[in-house]
Amino acid sequence: MPRLSGFVGVQDCGFNRPPTPEKRRLGQQSDTRYGLIVSVNFRLGGKQACITWFHLRPNSIEECDSLLADYETTGTDQYGSSIIQLKRRRNALLPISRLPLELRYQIFDLALPRHRVVQIKTPVAYSRFYPSINPSVFYYFALFILRLVSRSWDLEICDTAPFWTVMSALFPNPFQELILQRSQEVALDVEVTRKGFYLLGEVPNLMEEETVFLEQIMHRDIRELEMHLPADEDPSSYFIPVHRKLVALHISRDRPFELTSPLLAPQLAYVRLFNFTIPWSGLTNLRLLSLQGRYRLDLVQLFCLLSASPLLEILELECSLVVPFDDDAEEDAPLQLVQLAHLTHLRLMCMPGEWIVRLLDNLVAPACCSSTIVTEIDGRLNPWILARRVGRLCRPIVSSSPMMLYLSMTSGSLSAELGDDITFTLTNNGWAEEQTWLSVRSRLIRTFLEECKGPRFQDPIPRAHLRYDSIRSSFEGIKIIGNFFPNTRSLHVTADAGIDQMVQALSESRETEDGSLEWCLPELTELQVGTSAFKSRTSYDSVVDKVIERAQAAPFSTSTFSPITELTLSRGTVRRESLTRLEELGIKYSLHSVKVIQPPTPELS
C-alpha cells in the first residue's frame, strides 16, 4: 500500500495536461518504494481540468541519492521543483539537521560572540588601536556562516529575534530596517564607531543620517552600547540616560566631555569610559569598571560606587584628571573599608600617588587579585609608604602562585614585575635629584619585596630578568636578586653599561661558617647577557671567563652550586679563543648579532 503521509514535494501541476510517460514510470516505481502519482480530474468553467502531483517520502539519505540518480539519468532540470524539494528532504535527513534544540542553541552560543559590540576583555592598549573591523560586521559574518549550514538552521536563525539585535549606524538603511523588523521588541546592541578613521588622522564628525539614526534608536531598549565619538561631538541631544536593560557601556571621545544627566541602568555590569564623564548611582550589578583618559574622578564618589558594587571583578583607573582630595572632608566623613571579594584584576595607571595610598588603605581585595600599579613620585607622596602598601596588597598573590621576576632600574624609573599578576612601577617626577634617586631606588625595591615576601620566594623561579643603565645599578640589581631569589635558575640581563661590574657581582662568593665558599645564585644554570643598543661594541670576554671559572670550580667546591651550562650573548663582540674554551668544557652557547674576533694571522717572513 503506497504511503501518503509525511513529506510532500510538488512535481508538476497543469490543466488539461496528463502525466508524461516518464512521470508515470517514476510513479509506478514509487508505488513500491517512495510514493505515487495522484491525479485529480474536475470541471472548471465548463472545461475538463486535471491536476497531477507526485508524493515523495524518502526515509534515508540513500533513498534520496537513488531518486536523484534517477532524475539525472532522465535528464531532468536540476533546478526544477522536484529536485529542489528532494534535496531539501535529503538535507533534513542529515545528522546536523536532526540535532536537539538545546544542542543547536549551545552551538550558536559558542559560535557567536557573547558580547556583540562592547569589548569586555582587558585590552593592552586603548580601544582605538583595536583591529579596524567593527564588531557588528564580525558578528553578522559569523551569523551568515551559521545560516549556510542547512536550510533548517537558516530558517530558525531568520525567525529568532535575539539573533538580530546588533545595530550599527554604518549599516545601509534597508539592512537597518530589516534588523528592526526581525528583532521585534528584543533589546538592541548598538554600535557607533569611527575605528576605521583613526589611522587617517582626524576623525570626522557624525553625519546627519547617523545623528537621526541615534535619535530614533535611543528610544528602543538597549542591551549593549559602544560609541566612539569625534572631538566636537555633543551626545547630549540624543543620549537618553535611562536604560533599564543596559548591560554593557563603552563610550570614548577624542576630547574630555562631561554629561550632566545621571545614568539610570540597574542591570549595568560592564563600563568602559575614555575622556567621558557621566554621573551614576546604584550600580549593584557592576562587574567591570574602566575609567581612562581625562576622566573627572572624585575619590569620595568612587568609594561610594565601589561600596555599592560588591560583585566587581575588574577595576581599571587610568585618569589624569582627578579632583584633589580634601583632608577636611575626610575628617567630616572618613572613608570606609570597601570589601571586593570577587576582585580579580586591579590596574592603577598614571594616578596620583596619594590617591593610590588612600585607595589601597581602604580596599580589601582577595588573594587571587592581580595588581598593576604605575605612578609618579612627587613632593606630596612618601614613596616608602606607597611601596609598603603595594607590597602588602601583593603578598597573598606571591604566596599562592609561581613567579617570574622582571627588575628594571633606570635613571628615571624603577619597575618590579612578579609573574603576570604583579607590576609595580615608580617614576621620579621631581621628587629627588638624580644622585639621590640612584641611592634610594634600590631601597624602594627592597621595601616592596620585603612587604610581599612569602614562602614562595625560596622556591626556584624559572626566569629572572634584570635591566639597568648604570654601573651602580648593575651591582645593586644582582644583589637584590641574590638576596630575595637565591634559587634563580635562569638569568637574563639587559645592560646599557657596567657588564664587568655585573659579572663581578654575579661571580662573587662569600665564606660560610663552615669555611666553604658560597656563590651568588648557586642554582643558576642558564645565563643570557645582551645590550639594548643595536650596534654595540661591548666585549663579552669577561663574561665568558667568569662562566668558565665557575664551571671549573664547581667539581672541587665543598659547597653545592651548579655550573652555568648554557650561555647566550647578544649584540657585542667576543674573541674566538673564548668560544673555543667554552667548547672544550662542553658549555653550550649561542650568539645573536655578536661579532667574533678572529686571532691575528702570523706574518710570513
Foldseek 3Di string as FASTA:
>chain_A
DFDDDDDFFFDDFDWPDDDDPVVQVVQVVNRPPFWHKDKDWDDDPNHITITIGIGGDDDALVVLVVVVVVCVVVVHDCPDRRNVSSVQNNLCRDPVNPDDPVVVVVVVPVQADPQQQDDFDDDPDDPLPDPLDGSNVVRVVSVVVQLVPHVNSVVVLQQAQVSLAEEELPDDPVSNVSSCVNNPQDAHAYEYDQSVCVVVPAGDADDPSSVVVLQVNQVHAHAHYAHEGEAPDDCPVRHDQEHARHAEYHYEYPAADEDDDAHHYQNHAYYAYESYHHHYDQNQNHAEDAYAYAYEEELVSVLRRLQSHLNYAEYHYHHQHYDDDDPVVCVVPNRAAGENERHAEEEYHADALVSVLSVLVRYDYDLNHFYADAYEDAQVDDLLSSLLSLLLNNQSPLAPDAWEWEWEDEQFKTWIDTHPRYIHIYGYDHHDDSVVCLVCVLVSVVSNCVNNADPNQAPEHAEHEYEYEDQSSLLSVLVVCQVRRLQYAEYEYEYNDNPLSNLCNQQDWDADPVGFTDGGSQNHAYYEYEYPDQAEADECLSVLVSLLVQLVCQVVTPDHGDRHQEYEYEHHEYEPVSVVSCVVSNRHYDYYNYHYDYDDDDDDD
